Amino acid sequence: MDVIADPANVKHVWRADLLSKLAQSQQEDGHWVNDADRFEEGHPVVVTCYCMLAIEEVLPAMR
């Protein structure tokens, strides 16, 4: 599914939205980190791996 609707029925191209959010949250030196440390997400190496895996899944579908 390329487009999803949120509870207010606003349509989203979720892959583009995800990439945009990841770009906004990436740190200046290239890593990601989450302020909440649930599931080890306070560790930059772990979160950066999660983000790279998400990007790896999203980009091929957008080409």
PDB file of N, CA and C in Angstrom:
ATOM      1  N   MET A   1       0.848  -1.160   0.000  1.00  0.00           N
ATOM      2  CA  MET A   1       0.000   0.000   0.000  1.00  0.00           C
ATOM      3  C   MET A   1       0.907   1.240   0.000  1.00  0.00           C
ATOM      4  N   ASP A   2       0.755   2.069  -0.988  1.00  0.00           N
ATOM      5  CA  ASP A   2       1.612   3.254  -1.111  1.00  0.00           C
ATOM      6  C   ASP A   2       1.090   4.457  -0.334  1.00  0.00           C
ATOM      7  N   VAL A   3      -0.217   4.555  -0.236  1.00  0.00           N
ATOM      8  CA  VAL A   3      -0.837   5.694   0.446  1.00  0.00           C
ATOM      9  C   VAL A   3      -1.733   5.152   1.554  1.00  0.00           C
ATOM     10  N   ILE A   4      -1.632   5.761   2.718  1.00  0.00           N
ATOM     11  CA  ILE A   4      -2.489   5.377   3.843  1.00  0.00           C
ATOM     12  C   ILE A   4      -3.221   6.616   4.343  1.00  0.00           C
ATOM     13  N   ALA A   5      -4.324   6.397   5.019  1.00  0.00           N
ATOM     14  CA  ALA A   5      -5.097   7.498   5.592  1.00  0.00           C
ATOM     15  C   ALA A   5      -4.984   7.428   7.106  1.00  0.00           C
ATOM     16  N   ASP A   6      -4.842   8.597   7.725  1.00  0.00           N
ATOM     17  CA  ASP A   6      -4.791   8.637   9.188  1.00  0.00           C
ATOM     18  C   ASP A   6      -6.215   8.694   9.735  1.00  0.00           C
ATOM     19  N   PRO A   7      -6.391   8.728  11.054  1.00  0.00           N
ATOM     20  CA  PRO A   7      -7.751   8.737  11.620  1.00  0.00           C
ATOM     21  C   PRO A   7      -8.620   9.909  11.144  1.00  0.00           C
ATOM     22  N   ALA A   8      -7.985  11.011  10.738  1.00  0.00           N
ATOM     23  CA  ALA A   8      -8.749  12.156  10.218  1.00  0.00           C
ATOM     24  C   ALA A   8      -8.983  12.036   8.713  1.00  0.00           C
ATOM     25  N   ASN A   9      -8.648  10.877   8.158  1.00  0.00           N
ATOM     26  CA  ASN A   9      -8.790  10.586   6.734  1.00  0.00           C
ATOM     27  C   ASN A   9      -7.885  11.444   5.845  1.00  0.00           C
ATOM     28  N   VAL A  10      -6.788  11.933   6.391  1.00  0.00           N
ATOM     29  CA  VAL A  10      -5.784  12.642   5.603  1.00  0.00           C
ATOM     30  C   VAL A  10      -4.871  11.587   4.988  1.00  0.00           C
ATOM     31  N   LYS A  11      -4.679  11.683   3.674  1.00  0.00           N
ATOM     32  CA  LYS A  11      -3.871  10.705   2.951  1.00  0.00           C
ATOM     33  C   LYS A  11      -2.379  11.015   3.114  1.00  0.00           C
ATOM     34  N   HIS A  12      -1.577   9.960   3.253  1.00  0.00           N
ATOM     35  CA  HIS A  12      -0.133  10.099   3.412  1.00  0.00           C
ATOM     36  C   HIS A  12       0.588   9.110   2.509  1.00  0.00           C
ATOM     37  N   VAL A  13       1.605   9.606   1.823  1.00  0.00           N
ATOM     38  CA  VAL A  13       2.538   8.730   1.126  1.00  0.00           C
ATOM     39  C   VAL A  13       3.557   8.365   2.191  1.00  0.00           C
ATOM     40  N   TRP A  14       3.318   7.257   2.867  1.00  0.00           N
ATOM     41  CA  TRP A  14       4.023   6.954   4.105  1.00  0.00           C
ATOM     42  C   TRP A  14       5.524   6.790   3.924  1.00  0.00           C
ATOM     43  N   ARG A  15       5.958   6.275   2.802  1.00  0.00           N
ATOM     44  CA  ARG A  15       7.401   6.110   2.602  1.00  0.00           C
ATOM     45  C   ARG A  15       8.092   7.473   2.564  1.00  0.00           C
ATOM     46  N   ALA A  16       7.524   8.413   1.838  1.00  0.00           N
ATOM     47  CA  ALA A  16       8.090   9.760   1.768  1.00  0.00           C
ATOM     48  C   ALA A  16       8.033  10.439   3.135  1.00  0.00           C
ATOM     49  N   ASP A  17       6.932  10.244   3.836  1.00  0.00           N
ATOM     50  CA  ASP A  17       6.811  10.827   5.180  1.00  0.00           C
ATOM     51  C   ASP A  17       7.863  10.261   6.126  1.00  0.00           C
ATOM     52  N   LEU A  18       8.095   8.962   6.037  1.00  0.00           N
ATOM     53  CA  LEU A  18       9.095   8.328   6.890  1.00  0.00           C
ATOM     54  C   LEU A  18      10.490   8.854   6.589  1.00  0.00           C
ATOM     55  N   LEU A  19      10.845   8.935   5.305  1.00  0.00           N
ATOM     56  CA  LEU A  19      12.163   9.453   4.947  1.00  0.00           C
ATOM     57  C   LEU A  19      12.335  10.890   5.400  1.00  0.00           C
ATOM     58  N   SER A  20      11.297  11.693   5.279  1.00  0.00           N
ATOM     59  CA  SER A  20      11.349  13.084   5.726  1.00  0.00           C
ATOM     60  C   SER A  20      11.585  13.169   7.231  1.00  0.00           C
ATOM     61  N   LYS A  21      10.864  12.366   7.982  1.00  0.00           N
ATOM     62  CA  LYS A  21      11.014  12.356   9.443  1.00  0.00           C
ATOM     63  C   LYS A  21      12.412  11.906   9.845  1.00  0.00           C
ATOM     64  N   LEU A  22      12.920  10.883   9.178  1.00  0.00           N
ATOM     65  CA  LEU A  22      14.271  10.410   9.485  1.00  0.00           C
ATOM     66  C   LEU A  22      15.304  11.477   9.158  1.00  0.00           C
ATOM     67  N   ALA A  23      15.141  12.164   8.034  1.00  0.00           N
ATOM     68  CA  ALA A  23      16.081  13.231   7.669  1.00  0.00           C
ATOM     69  C   ALA A  23      16.058  14.351   8.707  1.00  0.00           C
ATOM     70  N   GLN A  24      14.885  14.690   9.199  1.00  0.00           N
ATOM     71  CA  GLN A  24      14.758  15.752  10.204  1.00  0.00           C
ATOM     72  C   GLN A  24      15.380  15.372  11.533  1.00  0.00           C
ATOM     73  N   SER A  25      15.361  14.093  11.868  1.00  0.00           N
ATOM     74  CA  SER A  25      15.840  13.676  13.181  1.00  0.00           C
ATOM     75  C   SER A  25      17.291  13.202  13.184  1.00  0.00           C
ATOM     76  N   GLN A  26      17.905  13.162  11.998  1.00  0.00           N
ATOM     77  CA  GLN A  26      19.304  12.730  11.940  1.00  0.00           C
ATOM     78  C   GLN A  26      20.205  13.806  12.541  1.00  0.00           C
ATOM     79  N   GLN A  27      21.155  13.382  13.339  1.00  0.00           N
ATOM     80  CA  GLN A  27      22.081  14.302  13.986  1.00  0.00           C
ATOM     81  C   GLN A  27      23.106  14.813  12.978  1.00  0.00           C
ATOM     82  N   GLU A  28      23.744  15.908  13.294  1.00  0.00           N
ATOM     83  CA  GLU A  28      24.679  16.552  12.377  1.00  0.00           C
ATOM     84  C   GLU A  28      25.802  15.613  11.921  1.00  0.00           C
ATOM     85  N   ASP A  29      26.262  14.733  12.802  1.00  0.00           N
ATOM     86  CA  ASP A  29      27.343  13.817  12.427  1.00  0.00           C
ATOM     87  C   ASP A  29      26.840  12.541  11.753  1.00  0.00           C
ATOM     88  N   GLY A  30      25.526  12.443  11.516  1.00  0.00           N
ATOM     89  CA  GLY A  30      24.962  11.339  10.749  1.00  0.00           C
ATOM     90  C   GLY A  30      24.248  10.265  11.539  1.00  0.00           C
ATOM     91  N   HIS A  31      24.324  10.291  12.850  1.00  0.00           N
ATOM     92  CA  HIS A  31      23.669   9.244  13.636  1.00  0.00           C
ATOM     93  C   HIS A  31      22.259   9.673  14.042  1.00  0.00           C
ATOM     94  N   TRP A  32      21.517   8.710  14.538  1.00  0.00           N
ATOM     95  CA  TRP A  32      20.190   8.948  15.101  1.00  0.00           C
ATOM     96  C   TRP A  32      20.208   8.487  16.551  1.00  0.00           C
ATOM     97  N   VAL A  33      19.366   9.077  17.358  1.00  0.00           N
ATOM     98  CA  VAL A  33      19.195   8.656  18.749  1.00  0.00           C
ATOM     99  C   VAL A  33      17.798   9.065  19.181  1.00  0.00           C
ATOM    100  N   ASN A  34      17.250   8.342  20.120  1.00  0.00           N
ATOM    101  CA  ASN A  34      15.915   8.624  20.617  1.00  0.00           C
ATOM    102  C   ASN A  34      16.038   9.069  22.075  1.00  0.00           C
ATOM    103  N   ASP A  35      15.352  10.131  22.449  1.00  0.00           N
ATOM    104  CA  ASP A  35      15.376  10.595  23.836  1.00  0.00           C
ATOM    105  C   ASP A  35      14.822   9.543  24.791  1.00  0.00           C
ATOM    106  N   ALA A  36      13.850   8.782  24.325  1.00  0.00           N
ATOM    107  CA  ALA A  36      13.296   7.699  25.144  1.00  0.00           C
ATOM    108  C   ALA A  36      14.209   6.488  24.994  1.00  0.00           C
ATOM    109  N   ASP A  37      14.551   5.865  26.094  1.00  0.00           N
ATOM    110  CA  ASP A  37      15.503   4.763  26.043  1.00  0.00           C
ATOM    111  C   ASP A  37      14.826   3.392  26.099  1.00  0.00           C
ATOM    112  N   ARG A  38      13.567   3.324  25.780  1.00  0.00           N
ATOM    113  CA  ARG A  38      12.880   2.044  25.738  1.00  0.00           C
ATOM    114  C   ARG A  38      13.454   1.209  24.595  1.00  0.00           C
ATOM    115  N   PHE A  39      13.656  -0.049  24.789  1.00  0.00           N
ATOM    116  CA  PHE A  39      14.220  -0.949  23.789  1.00  0.00           C
ATOM    117  C   PHE A  39      15.614  -0.502  23.329  1.00  0.00           C
ATOM    118  N   GLU A  40      16.391   0.063  24.257  1.00  0.00           N
ATOM    119  CA  GLU A  40      17.774   0.491  23.976  1.00  0.00           C
ATOM    120  C   GLU A  40      17.860   1.632  22.962  1.00  0.00           C
ATOM    121  N   GLU A  41      16.775   2.375  22.757  1.00  0.00           N
ATOM    122  CA  GLU A  41      16.758   3.424  21.746  1.00  0.00           C
ATOM    123  C   GLU A  41      17.507   4.686  22.153  1.00  0.00           C
ATOM    124  N   GLY A  42      18.092   4.691  23.341  1.00  0.00           N
ATOM    125  CA  GLY A  42      18.928   5.811  23.739  1.00  0.00           C
ATOM    126  C   GLY A  42      20.364   5.638  23.272  1.00  0.00           C
ATOM    127  N   HIS A  43      20.648   4.487  22.652  1.00  0.00           N
ATOM    128  CA  HIS A  43      21.996   4.188  22.185  1.00  0.00           C
ATOM    129  C   HIS A  43      22.098   4.503  20.689  1.00  0.00           C
ATOM    130  N   PRO A  44      22.950   5.456  20.324  1.00  0.00           N
ATOM    131  CA  PRO A  44      23.039   5.863  18.919  1.00  0.00           C
ATOM    132  C   PRO A  44      23.311   4.726  17.933  1.00  0.00           C
ATOM    133  N   VAL A  45      24.146   3.765  18.291  1.00  0.00           N
ATOM    134  CA  VAL A  45      24.450   2.677  17.356  1.00  0.00           C
ATOM    135  C   VAL A  45      23.189   1.855  17.064  1.00  0.00           C
ATOM    136  N   VAL A  46      22.419   1.565  18.086  1.00  0.00           N
ATOM    137  CA  VAL A  46      21.202   0.774  17.913  1.00  0.00           C
ATOM    138  C   VAL A  46      20.184   1.539  17.062  1.00  0.00           C
ATOM    139  N   VAL A  47      19.958   2.789  17.402  1.00  0.00           N
ATOM    140  CA  VAL A  47      18.951   3.577  16.682  1.00  0.00           C
ATOM    141  C   VAL A  47      19.378   3.835  15.241  1.00  0.00           C
ATOM    142  N   THR A  48      20.664   4.078  15.025  1.00  0.00           N
ATOM    143  CA  THR A  48      21.148   4.289  13.663  1.00  0.00           C
ATOM    144  C   THR A  48      20.949   3.028  12.834  1.00  0.00           C
ATOM    145  N   CYS A  49      21.168   1.870  13.414  1.00  0.00           N
ATOM    146  CA  CYS A  49      20.902   0.613  12.705  1.00  0.00           C
ATOM    147  C   CYS A  49      19.422   0.484  12.358  1.00  0.00           C
ATOM    148  N   TYR A  50      18.548   0.786  13.302  1.00  0.00           N
ATOM    149  CA  TYR A  50      17.102   0.742  13.029  1.00  0.00           C
ATOM    150  C   TYR A  50      16.739   1.665  11.862  1.00  0.00           C
ATOM    151  N   CYS A  51      17.279   2.873  11.888  1.00  0.00           N
ATOM    152  CA  CYS A  51      16.958   3.855  10.840  1.00  0.00           C
ATOM    153  C   CYS A  51      17.484   3.408   9.482  1.00  0.00           C
ATOM    154  N   MET A  52      18.688   2.876   9.453  1.00  0.00           N
ATOM    155  CA  MET A  52      19.252   2.415   8.189  1.00  0.00           C
ATOM    156  C   MET A  52      18.461   1.231   7.630  1.00  0.00           C
ATOM    157  N   LEU A  53      17.997   0.352   8.497  1.00  0.00           N
ATOM    158  CA  LEU A  53      17.158  -0.757   8.042  1.00  0.00           C
ATOM    159  C   LEU A  53      15.844  -0.250   7.450  1.00  0.00           C
ATOM    160  N   ALA A  54      15.264   0.769   8.074  1.00  0.00           N
ATOM    161  CA  ALA A  54      14.018   1.349   7.550  1.00  0.00           C
ATOM    162  C   ALA A  54      14.260   1.984   6.185  1.00  0.00           C
ATOM    163  N   ILE A  55      15.353   2.727   6.055  1.00  0.00           N
ATOM    164  CA  ILE A  55      15.683   3.365   4.781  1.00  0.00           C
ATOM    165  C   ILE A  55      15.924   2.307   3.706  1.00  0.00           C
ATOM    166  N   GLU A  56      16.610   1.244   4.062  1.00  0.00           N
ATOM    167  CA  GLU A  56      16.885   0.157   3.124  1.00  0.00           C
ATOM    168  C   GLU A  56      15.596  -0.460   2.581  1.00  0.00           C
ATOM    169  N   GLU A  57      14.570  -0.534   3.396  1.00  0.00           N
ATOM    170  CA  GLU A  57      13.291  -1.095   2.965  1.00  0.00           C
ATOM    171  C   GLU A  57      12.482  -0.112   2.125  1.00  0.00           C
ATOM    172  N   VAL A  58      12.576   1.166   2.430  1.00  0.00           N
ATOM    173  CA  VAL A  58      11.734   2.182   1.801  1.00  0.00           C
ATOM    174  C   VAL A  58      12.250   2.622   0.429  1.00  0.00           C
ATOM    175  N   LEU A  59      13.533   2.840   0.302  1.00  0.00           N
ATOM    176  CA  LEU A  59      14.067   3.412  -0.938  1.00  0.00           C
ATOM    177  C   LEU A  59      13.810   2.598  -2.192  1.00  0.00           C
ATOM    178  N   PRO A  60      14.040   1.291  -2.200  1.00  0.00           N
ATOM    179  CA  PRO A  60      13.780   0.548  -3.450  1.00  0.00           C
ATOM    180  C   PRO A  60      12.335   0.669  -3.938  1.00  0.00           C
ATOM    181  N   ALA A  61      11.389   0.753  -3.046  1.00  0.00           N
ATOM    182  CA  ALA A  61       9.970   0.859  -3.426  1.00  0.00           C
ATOM    183  C   ALA A  61       9.646   2.236  -3.995  1.00  0.00           C
ATOM    184  N   MET A  62      10.488   3.213  -3.745  1.00  0.00           N
ATOM    185  CA  MET A  62      10.210   4.582  -4.213  1.00  0.00           C
ATOM    186  C   MET A  62      10.803   4.844  -5.601  1.00  0.00           C
ATOM    187  N   ARG A  63      11.607   3.924  -6.084  1.00  0.00           N
ATOM    188  CA  ARG A  63      12.267   4.144  -7.393  1.00  0.00           C
ATOM    189  C   ARG A  63      11.406   3.719  -8.531  1.00  0.00           C
TER     190      ARG A  63
END
